[in-house]
């Protein structure tokens, strides 16, 4: 699914052409975790099966970057590249980057989204989570196994990362929103969901983030 909210080609003032010194790894303006999250949300948007889900990922990315006065666009160099740059560089009316607004081009961040440079193996992430589900099911039975599978579904659909990397807030979102509204759990599953979460993290040999209500 294309990143349709971002300007792509057609600019006669693009500041981020290849080979011009745009920082491929980090930026003094954007913390590494913000860059990583922006990339993750972009990849989720591109693979989302529904338009509404794709739009939600883009909106979350926009809000994340807006907090740092940055924005995002996709540049097509044959392979798509995510470019994160200060909002002030962008002429919204014309849909282009204005070179006369650029003070320091190293403030931008480029992330290849396609080709051999892609650092993410999303199938490996899901495989890791499904292995945890199987481990929980084998050790503790189907009720806990079914809850673990629901958590793996949630992580795969919304965060695309390994279950042990979930934060307290993300776990609260799963337990209070996804589990209740989208998963249709049985009464037995609902009764043991907190225990199931603990067992999942025990299977991963990781500490459980502090569970909190939303």
N, C-alpha and C. Protein backbone atom coordinates (compact mmCIF):
# COMPACT_ATOMS: atom_id res chain seq x y z
N UNK A 1 0.86 -1.18 0.00
CA UNK A 1 0.00 0.00 0.00
C UNK A 1 0.89 1.22 0.00
N UNK A 2 0.66 2.13 -0.86
CA UNK A 2 1.55 3.27 -1.03
C UNK A 2 1.34 4.30 0.06
N UNK A 3 2.39 5.07 0.33
CA UNK A 3 2.37 6.12 1.33
C UNK A 3 1.79 7.37 0.70
N UNK A 4 0.48 7.35 0.46
CA UNK A 4 -0.13 8.34 -0.42
C UNK A 4 -0.20 9.73 0.19
N UNK A 5 0.00 9.87 1.48
CA UNK A 5 -0.08 11.18 2.10
C UNK A 5 1.22 11.96 1.98
N UNK A 6 2.28 11.33 1.49
CA UNK A 6 3.57 11.99 1.39
C UNK A 6 3.85 12.37 -0.04
N UNK A 7 4.41 13.57 -0.27
CA UNK A 7 4.81 13.94 -1.62
C UNK A 7 5.91 13.03 -2.11
N UNK A 8 5.84 12.64 -3.38
CA UNK A 8 6.86 11.76 -3.92
C UNK A 8 7.66 12.50 -4.97
N UNK A 9 7.55 12.07 -6.22
CA UNK A 9 8.33 12.69 -7.28
C UNK A 9 7.66 13.97 -7.73
N UNK A 10 8.23 14.61 -8.77
CA UNK A 10 7.60 15.77 -9.35
C UNK A 10 8.07 17.07 -8.78
N UNK A 11 9.10 17.05 -7.92
CA UNK A 11 9.60 18.29 -7.33
C UNK A 11 10.80 18.78 -8.09
N UNK A 12 10.82 20.12 -8.36
CA UNK A 12 11.99 20.68 -9.00
C UNK A 12 12.91 21.33 -7.97
N UNK A 13 12.62 21.09 -6.68
CA UNK A 13 13.43 21.67 -5.63
C UNK A 13 13.73 20.62 -4.57
N UNK A 14 13.99 19.40 -4.94
CA UNK A 14 14.21 18.37 -3.95
C UNK A 14 15.61 18.49 -3.39
N UNK A 15 15.67 18.51 -2.04
CA UNK A 15 16.95 18.68 -1.37
C UNK A 15 17.58 17.36 -1.00
N UNK A 16 16.89 16.27 -1.26
CA UNK A 16 17.36 15.01 -0.72
C UNK A 16 17.67 14.00 -1.82
N UNK A 17 18.23 14.42 -2.91
CA UNK A 17 18.66 13.50 -3.95
C UNK A 17 19.80 12.65 -3.46
N UNK A 18 20.01 11.50 -4.07
CA UNK A 18 21.04 10.59 -3.60
C UNK A 18 22.42 11.20 -3.79
N UNK A 19 23.32 10.85 -2.85
CA UNK A 19 24.70 11.27 -2.93
C UNK A 19 24.94 12.69 -2.49
N UNK A 20 24.01 13.29 -1.75
CA UNK A 20 24.20 14.68 -1.38
C UNK A 20 24.54 14.87 0.09
N UNK A 21 24.81 13.79 0.79
CA UNK A 21 25.26 13.92 2.16
C UNK A 21 24.16 13.82 3.19
N UNK A 22 22.95 13.43 2.81
CA UNK A 22 21.91 13.24 3.80
C UNK A 22 22.31 12.10 4.71
N UNK A 23 22.12 12.28 6.01
CA UNK A 23 22.54 11.30 7.00
C UNK A 23 21.70 10.05 6.90
N UNK A 24 22.32 8.90 6.67
CA UNK A 24 21.60 7.65 6.54
C UNK A 24 21.35 6.99 7.88
N UNK A 25 22.00 7.43 8.96
CA UNK A 25 21.93 6.69 10.20
C UNK A 25 21.25 7.45 11.32
N UNK A 26 21.58 8.70 11.52
CA UNK A 26 21.07 9.40 12.69
C UNK A 26 21.01 10.88 12.42
N UNK A 27 20.35 11.59 13.27
CA UNK A 27 20.24 13.03 13.13
C UNK A 27 20.32 13.66 14.50
N UNK A 28 20.95 14.84 14.56
CA UNK A 28 21.03 15.56 15.83
C UNK A 28 19.65 16.00 16.29
N UNK A 29 18.70 16.14 15.37
CA UNK A 29 17.36 16.62 15.71
C UNK A 29 16.42 15.50 16.14
N UNK A 30 16.59 14.33 15.61
CA UNK A 30 15.69 13.22 15.90
C UNK A 30 16.39 12.15 16.72
N UNK A 31 15.87 11.79 17.89
CA UNK A 31 16.44 10.68 18.65
C UNK A 31 16.34 9.38 17.86
N UNK A 32 17.25 8.47 18.13
CA UNK A 32 17.27 7.20 17.40
C UNK A 32 15.95 6.45 17.53
N UNK A 33 15.34 6.50 18.74
CA UNK A 33 14.10 5.75 18.91
C UNK A 33 12.96 6.33 18.09
N UNK A 34 13.00 7.64 17.85
CA UNK A 34 11.98 8.28 17.00
C UNK A 34 12.17 7.87 15.55
N UNK A 35 13.43 7.84 15.10
CA UNK A 35 13.73 7.40 13.74
C UNK A 35 13.27 5.96 13.54
N UNK A 36 13.59 5.09 14.51
CA UNK A 36 13.21 3.68 14.41
C UNK A 36 11.69 3.53 14.37
N UNK A 37 10.99 4.29 15.20
CA UNK A 37 9.53 4.19 15.24
C UNK A 37 8.91 4.71 13.95
N UNK A 38 9.46 5.79 13.41
CA UNK A 38 8.95 6.32 12.14
C UNK A 38 9.12 5.30 11.02
N UNK A 39 10.26 4.62 11.01
CA UNK A 39 10.47 3.58 10.01
C UNK A 39 9.49 2.43 10.20
N UNK A 40 9.31 2.00 11.45
CA UNK A 40 8.42 0.88 11.72
C UNK A 40 6.99 1.20 11.28
N UNK A 41 6.52 2.39 11.60
CA UNK A 41 5.16 2.78 11.22
C UNK A 41 5.01 2.88 9.70
N UNK A 42 6.07 3.31 9.03
CA UNK A 42 6.04 3.39 7.57
C UNK A 42 5.92 2.00 6.96
N UNK A 43 6.69 1.06 7.49
CA UNK A 43 6.63 -0.31 6.96
C UNK A 43 5.26 -0.94 7.25
N UNK A 44 4.71 -0.67 8.42
CA UNK A 44 3.38 -1.18 8.73
C UNK A 44 2.34 -0.60 7.78
N UNK A 45 2.45 0.69 7.48
CA UNK A 45 1.52 1.33 6.54
C UNK A 45 1.58 0.68 5.17
N UNK A 46 2.79 0.36 4.73
CA UNK A 46 2.98 -0.17 3.38
C UNK A 46 2.44 -1.59 3.23
N UNK A 47 2.32 -2.30 4.35
CA UNK A 47 1.84 -3.68 4.29
C UNK A 47 0.44 -3.85 4.88
N UNK A 48 -0.17 -2.75 5.31
CA UNK A 48 -1.50 -2.84 5.92
C UNK A 48 -2.53 -3.33 4.91
N UNK A 49 -3.37 -4.29 5.30
CA UNK A 49 -4.36 -4.83 4.36
C UNK A 49 -5.55 -3.91 4.14
N UNK A 50 -5.79 -2.98 5.05
CA UNK A 50 -6.95 -2.10 4.97
C UNK A 50 -6.51 -0.64 4.92
N UNK A 51 -7.23 0.17 4.15
CA UNK A 51 -6.90 1.59 4.04
C UNK A 51 -6.96 2.30 5.38
N UNK A 52 -7.96 1.95 6.20
CA UNK A 52 -8.11 2.62 7.50
C UNK A 52 -6.91 2.34 8.40
N UNK A 53 -6.43 1.11 8.36
CA UNK A 53 -5.26 0.75 9.17
C UNK A 53 -4.03 1.49 8.67
N UNK A 54 -3.86 1.55 7.35
CA UNK A 54 -2.72 2.27 6.78
C UNK A 54 -2.75 3.74 7.18
N UNK A 55 -3.94 4.33 7.11
CA UNK A 55 -4.08 5.74 7.48
C UNK A 55 -3.73 5.96 8.94
N UNK A 56 -4.12 5.03 9.80
CA UNK A 56 -3.83 5.16 11.23
C UNK A 56 -2.32 5.15 11.48
N UNK A 57 -1.59 4.30 10.76
CA UNK A 57 -0.13 4.26 10.92
C UNK A 57 0.49 5.58 10.48
N UNK A 58 0.01 6.13 9.36
CA UNK A 58 0.54 7.41 8.88
C UNK A 58 0.24 8.54 9.87
N UNK A 59 -0.94 8.52 10.44
CA UNK A 59 -1.29 9.57 11.40
C UNK A 59 -0.43 9.49 12.65
N UNK A 60 -0.15 8.27 13.10
CA UNK A 60 0.73 8.11 14.26
C UNK A 60 2.14 8.57 13.94
N UNK A 61 2.61 8.27 12.73
CA UNK A 61 3.94 8.73 12.34
C UNK A 61 4.00 10.25 12.27
N UNK A 62 2.96 10.86 11.69
CA UNK A 62 2.93 12.31 11.58
C UNK A 62 2.96 12.98 12.95
N UNK A 63 2.19 12.44 13.89
CA UNK A 63 2.16 13.00 15.25
C UNK A 63 3.50 12.84 15.94
N UNK A 64 4.13 11.69 15.73
CA UNK A 64 5.45 11.43 16.32
C UNK A 64 6.47 12.44 15.83
N UNK A 65 6.51 12.67 14.53
CA UNK A 65 7.49 13.58 13.95
C UNK A 65 7.15 15.03 14.24
N UNK A 66 5.86 15.34 14.29
CA UNK A 66 5.44 16.72 14.53
C UNK A 66 5.94 17.22 15.89
N UNK A 67 6.06 16.31 16.85
CA UNK A 67 6.56 16.69 18.18
C UNK A 67 7.99 17.20 18.12
N UNK A 68 8.70 16.86 17.04
CA UNK A 68 10.09 17.31 16.85
C UNK A 68 10.19 18.31 15.69
N UNK A 69 9.04 18.79 15.20
CA UNK A 69 9.00 19.72 14.06
C UNK A 69 9.60 19.11 12.81
N UNK A 70 9.37 17.81 12.62
CA UNK A 70 9.82 17.09 11.44
C UNK A 70 8.61 16.56 10.68
N UNK A 71 8.85 16.17 9.44
CA UNK A 71 7.83 15.51 8.64
C UNK A 71 8.50 14.42 7.81
N UNK A 72 7.71 13.67 7.05
CA UNK A 72 8.24 12.54 6.28
C UNK A 72 7.73 12.58 4.85
N UNK A 73 8.52 12.04 3.95
CA UNK A 73 8.11 11.86 2.57
C UNK A 73 8.81 10.62 2.03
N UNK A 74 8.32 10.11 0.92
CA UNK A 74 8.93 8.98 0.24
C UNK A 74 9.57 9.46 -1.05
N UNK A 75 10.85 9.20 -1.22
CA UNK A 75 11.54 9.52 -2.47
C UNK A 75 11.76 8.23 -3.24
N UNK A 76 11.47 8.27 -4.53
CA UNK A 76 11.61 7.10 -5.39
C UNK A 76 12.89 7.21 -6.18
N UNK A 77 13.88 6.41 -5.81
CA UNK A 77 15.13 6.32 -6.57
C UNK A 77 15.21 4.99 -7.32
N UNK A 78 14.07 4.50 -7.75
CA UNK A 78 14.01 3.14 -8.25
C UNK A 78 13.56 2.23 -7.12
N UNK A 79 14.17 2.40 -5.94
CA UNK A 79 13.70 1.80 -4.69
C UNK A 79 13.26 2.93 -3.78
N UNK A 80 12.14 2.74 -3.09
CA UNK A 80 11.62 3.80 -2.22
C UNK A 80 12.53 4.05 -1.04
N UNK A 81 12.67 5.33 -0.69
CA UNK A 81 13.48 5.76 0.44
C UNK A 81 12.63 6.67 1.32
N UNK A 82 12.57 6.36 2.60
CA UNK A 82 11.89 7.23 3.55
C UNK A 82 12.83 8.36 3.95
N UNK A 83 12.37 9.60 3.80
CA UNK A 83 13.17 10.77 4.16
C UNK A 83 12.45 11.52 5.28
N UNK A 84 13.14 11.70 6.39
CA UNK A 84 12.63 12.48 7.52
C UNK A 84 13.38 13.80 7.54
N UNK A 85 12.66 14.91 7.52
CA UNK A 85 13.34 16.20 7.43
C UNK A 85 12.54 17.27 8.18
N UNK A 86 13.17 18.39 8.54
CA UNK A 86 12.45 19.46 9.24
C UNK A 86 11.27 19.97 8.43
N UNK A 87 10.17 20.24 9.12
CA UNK A 87 8.96 20.73 8.44
C UNK A 87 9.22 22.03 7.69
N UNK A 88 10.11 22.84 8.22
CA UNK A 88 10.35 24.16 7.62
C UNK A 88 10.92 24.08 6.21
N UNK A 89 11.48 22.92 5.85
CA UNK A 89 12.02 22.77 4.50
C UNK A 89 10.93 22.58 3.46
N UNK A 90 9.75 22.19 3.90
CA UNK A 90 8.70 21.75 2.97
C UNK A 90 7.77 22.90 2.62
N UNK A 91 7.56 23.10 1.35
CA UNK A 91 6.56 24.05 0.86
C UNK A 91 5.27 23.26 0.65
N UNK A 92 4.37 23.35 1.62
CA UNK A 92 3.17 22.52 1.58
C UNK A 92 2.30 22.84 0.37
N UNK A 93 2.19 24.09 0.01
CA UNK A 93 1.34 24.48 -1.11
C UNK A 93 1.84 23.89 -2.42
N UNK A 94 3.16 23.89 -2.61
CA UNK A 94 3.74 23.38 -3.85
C UNK A 94 4.05 21.89 -3.77
N UNK A 95 4.09 21.34 -2.55
CA UNK A 95 4.40 19.93 -2.39
C UNK A 95 5.84 19.59 -2.71
N UNK A 96 6.77 20.52 -2.42
CA UNK A 96 8.18 20.30 -2.74
C UNK A 96 9.05 20.73 -1.57
N UNK A 97 10.32 20.30 -1.62
CA UNK A 97 11.33 20.76 -0.69
C UNK A 97 12.02 21.97 -1.30
N UNK A 98 12.14 23.05 -0.56
CA UNK A 98 12.76 24.28 -1.05
C UNK A 98 14.21 24.34 -0.57
N UNK A 99 15.12 24.32 -1.52
CA UNK A 99 16.54 24.31 -1.16
C UNK A 99 16.94 25.58 -0.41
N UNK A 100 16.25 26.68 -0.66
CA UNK A 100 16.62 27.92 0.02
C UNK A 100 16.22 27.94 1.49
N UNK A 101 15.48 26.92 1.92
CA UNK A 101 15.08 26.83 3.32
C UNK A 101 15.98 25.89 4.12
N UNK A 102 16.91 25.24 3.45
CA UNK A 102 17.73 24.23 4.12
C UNK A 102 18.94 24.90 4.76
N UNK A 103 19.05 24.75 6.09
CA UNK A 103 20.19 25.33 6.79
C UNK A 103 21.33 24.34 6.93
N UNK A 104 20.99 23.06 7.13
CA UNK A 104 22.01 22.01 7.33
C UNK A 104 21.41 20.71 6.84
N UNK A 105 21.88 20.25 5.69
CA UNK A 105 21.26 19.07 5.06
C UNK A 105 21.46 17.80 5.89
N UNK A 106 22.45 17.80 6.79
CA UNK A 106 22.70 16.61 7.61
C UNK A 106 21.60 16.41 8.65
N UNK A 107 20.70 17.38 8.79
CA UNK A 107 19.58 17.20 9.72
C UNK A 107 18.58 16.17 9.21
N UNK A 108 18.57 15.92 7.92
CA UNK A 108 17.64 14.94 7.35
C UNK A 108 18.15 13.52 7.59
N UNK A 109 17.23 12.58 7.57
CA UNK A 109 17.55 11.16 7.75
C UNK A 109 16.93 10.38 6.61
N UNK A 110 17.71 9.52 5.97
CA UNK A 110 17.23 8.66 4.88
C UNK A 110 17.22 7.21 5.34
N UNK A 111 16.15 6.50 5.00
CA UNK A 111 16.03 5.08 5.34
C UNK A 111 15.53 4.33 4.12
N UNK A 112 16.37 3.48 3.51
CA UNK A 112 15.90 2.67 2.37
C UNK A 112 14.79 1.72 2.82
N UNK A 113 13.74 1.64 2.03
CA UNK A 113 12.61 0.78 2.36
C UNK A 113 12.55 -0.48 1.52
N UNK A 114 13.38 -0.57 0.50
CA UNK A 114 13.34 -1.72 -0.40
C UNK A 114 14.76 -2.15 -0.71
N UNK A 115 14.85 -3.33 -1.34
CA UNK A 115 16.14 -3.80 -1.82
C UNK A 115 16.96 -4.48 -0.74
N UNK A 116 18.23 -4.75 -1.08
CA UNK A 116 19.10 -5.51 -0.20
C UNK A 116 19.39 -4.78 1.09
N UNK A 117 19.21 -3.46 1.11
CA UNK A 117 19.52 -2.70 2.31
C UNK A 117 18.45 -2.76 3.38
N UNK A 118 17.36 -3.45 3.12
CA UNK A 118 16.29 -3.54 4.10
C UNK A 118 16.76 -4.30 5.32
N UNK A 119 16.82 -3.67 6.51
CA UNK A 119 17.37 -4.32 7.68
C UNK A 119 16.36 -5.19 8.43
N UNK A 120 15.11 -5.12 8.06
CA UNK A 120 14.08 -5.79 8.86
C UNK A 120 13.59 -7.06 8.20
N UNK A 121 13.45 -8.09 9.02
CA UNK A 121 12.90 -9.35 8.54
C UNK A 121 11.61 -9.57 9.31
N UNK A 122 10.50 -9.09 8.74
CA UNK A 122 9.24 -9.14 9.47
C UNK A 122 8.76 -10.57 9.67
N UNK A 123 9.07 -11.44 8.74
CA UNK A 123 8.68 -12.84 8.91
C UNK A 123 9.40 -13.46 10.09
N UNK A 124 10.65 -13.09 10.30
CA UNK A 124 11.42 -13.61 11.43
C UNK A 124 10.82 -13.14 12.75
N UNK A 125 10.34 -11.91 12.78
CA UNK A 125 9.70 -11.38 13.98
C UNK A 125 8.45 -12.20 14.32
N UNK A 126 7.61 -12.43 13.32
CA UNK A 126 6.39 -13.20 13.56
C UNK A 126 6.71 -14.63 13.94
N UNK A 127 7.73 -15.21 13.31
CA UNK A 127 8.13 -16.57 13.64
C UNK A 127 8.58 -16.67 15.09
N UNK A 128 9.32 -15.68 15.54
CA UNK A 128 9.75 -15.64 16.95
C UNK A 128 8.54 -15.62 17.88
N UNK A 129 7.57 -14.79 17.56
CA UNK A 129 6.38 -14.69 18.41
C UNK A 129 5.56 -15.97 18.39
N UNK A 130 5.47 -16.61 17.23
CA UNK A 130 4.70 -17.86 17.14
C UNK A 130 5.40 -18.99 17.89
N UNK A 131 6.72 -18.95 17.94
CA UNK A 131 7.46 -19.93 18.74
C UNK A 131 7.13 -19.78 20.22
N UNK A 132 7.01 -18.53 20.67
CA UNK A 132 6.62 -18.28 22.06
C UNK A 132 5.22 -18.82 22.33
N UNK A 133 4.31 -18.61 21.38
CA UNK A 133 2.94 -19.11 21.52
C UNK A 133 2.96 -20.63 21.68
N UNK A 134 3.71 -21.30 20.83
CA UNK A 134 3.78 -22.77 20.89
C UNK A 134 4.36 -23.23 22.22
N UNK A 135 5.35 -22.50 22.72
CA UNK A 135 5.99 -22.86 23.99
C UNK A 135 4.99 -22.72 25.14
N UNK A 136 4.24 -21.63 25.14
CA UNK A 136 3.24 -21.42 26.19
C UNK A 136 2.14 -22.48 26.11
N UNK A 137 1.69 -22.78 24.92
CA UNK A 137 0.63 -23.78 24.75
C UNK A 137 1.09 -25.15 25.23
N UNK A 138 2.32 -25.51 24.89
CA UNK A 138 2.85 -26.82 25.29
C UNK A 138 3.00 -26.92 26.80
N UNK A 139 3.44 -25.84 27.42
CA UNK A 139 3.73 -25.88 28.86
C UNK A 139 2.49 -25.67 29.73
N UNK A 140 1.54 -24.87 29.25
CA UNK A 140 0.47 -24.41 30.13
C UNK A 140 -0.94 -24.64 29.59
N UNK A 141 -1.07 -25.25 28.42
CA UNK A 141 -2.39 -25.60 27.93
C UNK A 141 -2.98 -24.60 26.94
N UNK A 142 -4.16 -24.97 26.43
CA UNK A 142 -4.74 -24.21 25.32
C UNK A 142 -5.27 -22.84 25.72
N UNK A 143 -5.78 -22.69 26.93
CA UNK A 143 -6.33 -21.38 27.30
C UNK A 143 -5.23 -20.33 27.29
N UNK A 144 -4.13 -20.62 27.96
CA UNK A 144 -3.00 -19.69 27.94
C UNK A 144 -2.39 -19.61 26.53
N UNK A 145 -2.39 -20.73 25.82
CA UNK A 145 -1.87 -20.73 24.45
C UNK A 145 -2.70 -19.85 23.54
N UNK A 146 -4.03 -19.91 23.70
CA UNK A 146 -4.90 -19.06 22.88
C UNK A 146 -4.69 -17.59 23.20
N UNK A 147 -4.50 -17.27 24.48
CA UNK A 147 -4.22 -15.88 24.84
C UNK A 147 -2.89 -15.41 24.27
N UNK A 148 -1.91 -16.30 24.29
CA UNK A 148 -0.61 -15.96 23.71
C UNK A 148 -0.74 -15.71 22.21
N UNK A 149 -1.58 -16.51 21.54
CA UNK A 149 -1.79 -16.32 20.10
C UNK A 149 -2.45 -14.98 19.82
N UNK A 150 -3.38 -14.57 20.68
CA UNK A 150 -4.02 -13.26 20.50
C UNK A 150 -3.01 -12.13 20.67
N UNK A 151 -2.10 -12.28 21.63
CA UNK A 151 -1.07 -11.25 21.80
C UNK A 151 -0.15 -11.21 20.59
N UNK A 152 0.18 -12.37 20.04
CA UNK A 152 1.02 -12.41 18.83
C UNK A 152 0.31 -11.75 17.65
N UNK A 153 -1.00 -11.99 17.53
CA UNK A 153 -1.77 -11.33 16.47
C UNK A 153 -1.73 -9.81 16.64
N UNK A 154 -1.96 -9.36 17.86
CA UNK A 154 -1.96 -7.93 18.15
C UNK A 154 -0.61 -7.30 17.82
N UNK A 155 0.46 -7.94 18.27
CA UNK A 155 1.80 -7.39 18.02
C UNK A 155 2.08 -7.36 16.52
N UNK A 156 1.73 -8.42 15.81
CA UNK A 156 1.98 -8.47 14.38
C UNK A 156 1.21 -7.43 13.60
N UNK A 157 -0.03 -7.18 14.02
CA UNK A 157 -0.88 -6.24 13.29
C UNK A 157 -0.60 -4.78 13.61
N UNK A 158 -0.13 -4.51 14.82
CA UNK A 158 -0.04 -3.12 15.27
C UNK A 158 1.38 -2.63 15.53
N UNK A 159 2.30 -3.54 15.86
CA UNK A 159 3.63 -3.06 16.24
C UNK A 159 4.78 -3.76 15.51
N UNK A 160 4.55 -4.92 14.96
CA UNK A 160 5.56 -5.63 14.17
C UNK A 160 6.90 -5.72 14.89
N UNK A 161 6.84 -6.17 16.14
CA UNK A 161 8.07 -6.40 16.87
C UNK A 161 7.90 -7.60 17.78
N UNK A 162 8.99 -8.07 18.35
CA UNK A 162 8.92 -9.24 19.19
C UNK A 162 8.17 -8.93 20.48
N UNK A 163 7.40 -9.90 20.95
CA UNK A 163 6.58 -9.71 22.14
C UNK A 163 7.39 -9.20 23.34
N UNK A 164 8.59 -9.74 23.61
CA UNK A 164 9.35 -9.25 24.77
C UNK A 164 9.74 -7.78 24.69
N UNK A 165 9.62 -7.17 23.51
CA UNK A 165 9.96 -5.75 23.35
C UNK A 165 8.78 -4.82 23.65
N UNK A 166 7.61 -5.38 23.94
CA UNK A 166 6.45 -4.55 24.23
C UNK A 166 6.66 -3.72 25.49
N UNK A 167 6.14 -2.51 25.48
CA UNK A 167 6.20 -1.64 26.64
C UNK A 167 4.96 -1.85 27.51
N UNK A 168 4.98 -1.27 28.70
CA UNK A 168 3.81 -1.35 29.58
C UNK A 168 2.58 -0.75 28.92
N UNK A 169 2.77 0.37 28.23
CA UNK A 169 1.64 1.03 27.57
C UNK A 169 1.07 0.17 26.45
N UNK A 170 1.94 -0.48 25.68
CA UNK A 170 1.48 -1.33 24.58
C UNK A 170 0.75 -2.55 25.12
N UNK A 171 1.25 -3.12 26.22
CA UNK A 171 0.55 -4.25 26.84
C UNK A 171 -0.82 -3.81 27.37
N UNK A 172 -0.88 -2.61 27.93
CA UNK A 172 -2.16 -2.10 28.41
C UNK A 172 -3.15 -1.92 27.26
N UNK A 173 -2.64 -1.46 26.11
CA UNK A 173 -3.49 -1.33 24.93
C UNK A 173 -4.05 -2.68 24.51
N UNK A 174 -3.20 -3.70 24.53
CA UNK A 174 -3.64 -5.05 24.18
C UNK A 174 -4.72 -5.53 25.15
N UNK A 175 -4.42 -5.42 26.44
CA UNK A 175 -5.32 -6.00 27.44
C UNK A 175 -6.64 -5.24 27.54
N UNK A 176 -6.59 -3.91 27.49
CA UNK A 176 -7.79 -3.11 27.74
C UNK A 176 -8.61 -2.82 26.49
N UNK A 177 -7.97 -2.88 25.31
CA UNK A 177 -8.67 -2.50 24.09
C UNK A 177 -8.77 -3.68 23.11
N UNK A 178 -7.63 -4.14 22.61
CA UNK A 178 -7.66 -5.19 21.58
C UNK A 178 -8.28 -6.47 22.13
N UNK A 179 -7.83 -6.92 23.28
CA UNK A 179 -8.29 -8.19 23.84
C UNK A 179 -9.79 -8.16 24.09
N UNK A 180 -10.29 -7.04 24.56
CA UNK A 180 -11.71 -6.93 24.91
C UNK A 180 -12.59 -6.71 23.68
N UNK A 181 -12.12 -5.84 22.77
CA UNK A 181 -12.98 -5.39 21.67
C UNK A 181 -12.83 -6.20 20.38
N UNK A 182 -11.65 -6.77 20.16
CA UNK A 182 -11.38 -7.40 18.88
C UNK A 182 -11.17 -8.91 18.93
N UNK A 183 -10.86 -9.43 20.11
CA UNK A 183 -10.42 -10.82 20.18
C UNK A 183 -11.53 -11.82 20.50
N UNK A 184 -12.64 -11.38 21.06
CA UNK A 184 -13.73 -12.26 21.45
C UNK A 184 -13.24 -13.42 22.32
N UNK A 185 -12.56 -13.12 23.43
CA UNK A 185 -12.05 -14.19 24.29
C UNK A 185 -13.18 -14.86 25.07
N UNK A 186 -12.96 -16.11 25.44
CA UNK A 186 -13.91 -16.81 26.30
C UNK A 186 -13.80 -16.27 27.73
N UNK A 187 -14.78 -16.60 28.56
CA UNK A 187 -14.73 -16.19 29.96
C UNK A 187 -13.47 -16.72 30.63
N UNK A 188 -13.12 -17.95 30.30
CA UNK A 188 -11.93 -18.56 30.89
C UNK A 188 -10.67 -17.80 30.47
N UNK A 189 -10.60 -17.42 29.21
CA UNK A 189 -9.45 -16.63 28.75
C UNK A 189 -9.37 -15.29 29.47
N UNK A 190 -10.52 -14.64 29.64
CA UNK A 190 -10.53 -13.35 30.32
C UNK A 190 -10.07 -13.47 31.77
N UNK A 191 -10.44 -14.57 32.42
CA UNK A 191 -10.09 -14.76 33.82
C UNK A 191 -8.59 -14.90 34.03
N UNK A 192 -7.87 -15.38 33.02
CA UNK A 192 -6.44 -15.69 33.22
C UNK A 192 -5.52 -14.83 32.36
N UNK A 193 -6.03 -13.75 31.75
CA UNK A 193 -5.21 -13.01 30.80
C UNK A 193 -3.94 -12.44 31.43
N UNK A 194 -4.02 -11.94 32.67
CA UNK A 194 -2.82 -11.41 33.30
C UNK A 194 -1.79 -12.51 33.54
N UNK A 195 -2.28 -13.67 33.97
CA UNK A 195 -1.37 -14.80 34.16
C UNK A 195 -0.78 -15.23 32.82
N UNK A 196 -1.58 -15.21 31.77
CA UNK A 196 -1.08 -15.58 30.44
C UNK A 196 0.06 -14.67 30.00
N UNK A 197 -0.11 -13.37 30.22
CA UNK A 197 0.93 -12.42 29.85
C UNK A 197 2.22 -12.72 30.60
N UNK A 198 2.09 -13.02 31.90
CA UNK A 198 3.27 -13.37 32.69
C UNK A 198 3.94 -14.62 32.14
N UNK A 199 3.15 -15.63 31.79
CA UNK A 199 3.71 -16.88 31.27
C UNK A 199 4.40 -16.68 29.92
N UNK A 200 3.88 -15.78 29.10
CA UNK A 200 4.51 -15.50 27.81
C UNK A 200 5.91 -14.92 28.02
N UNK A 201 6.02 -13.97 28.93
CA UNK A 201 7.32 -13.37 29.18
C UNK A 201 8.26 -14.34 29.88
N UNK A 202 7.72 -15.21 30.72
CA UNK A 202 8.55 -16.25 31.33
C UNK A 202 9.09 -17.19 30.26
N UNK A 203 8.26 -17.52 29.28
CA UNK A 203 8.72 -18.39 28.19
C UNK A 203 9.84 -17.73 27.39
N UNK A 204 9.80 -16.41 27.30
CA UNK A 204 10.84 -15.66 26.59
C UNK A 204 12.04 -15.36 27.48
N UNK A 205 11.92 -15.74 28.77
CA UNK A 205 12.98 -15.48 29.76
C UNK A 205 13.28 -13.98 29.85
N UNK A 206 12.20 -13.20 29.86
CA UNK A 206 12.30 -11.75 29.98
C UNK A 206 11.38 -11.27 31.10
N UNK A 207 11.75 -10.16 31.77
CA UNK A 207 10.87 -9.62 32.82
C UNK A 207 9.59 -9.06 32.22
N UNK A 208 8.52 -9.17 32.97
CA UNK A 208 7.24 -8.65 32.50
C UNK A 208 7.18 -7.15 32.78
N UNK A 209 6.88 -6.33 31.77
CA UNK A 209 6.68 -4.90 32.04
C UNK A 209 5.54 -4.72 33.05
N UNK A 210 5.62 -3.68 33.82
CA UNK A 210 4.59 -3.43 34.82
C UNK A 210 3.24 -3.26 34.14
N UNK A 211 2.30 -4.11 34.52
CA UNK A 211 0.97 -4.05 33.92
C UNK A 211 0.20 -2.89 34.51
N UNK A 212 -0.46 -2.13 33.66
CA UNK A 212 -1.21 -0.95 34.10
C UNK A 212 -2.53 -0.89 33.36
N UNK A 213 -3.49 -0.28 34.01
CA UNK A 213 -4.80 -0.09 33.39
C UNK A 213 -4.79 1.18 32.56
N UNK A 214 -5.60 1.18 31.48
CA UNK A 214 -5.72 2.37 30.63
C UNK A 214 -7.04 3.04 30.89
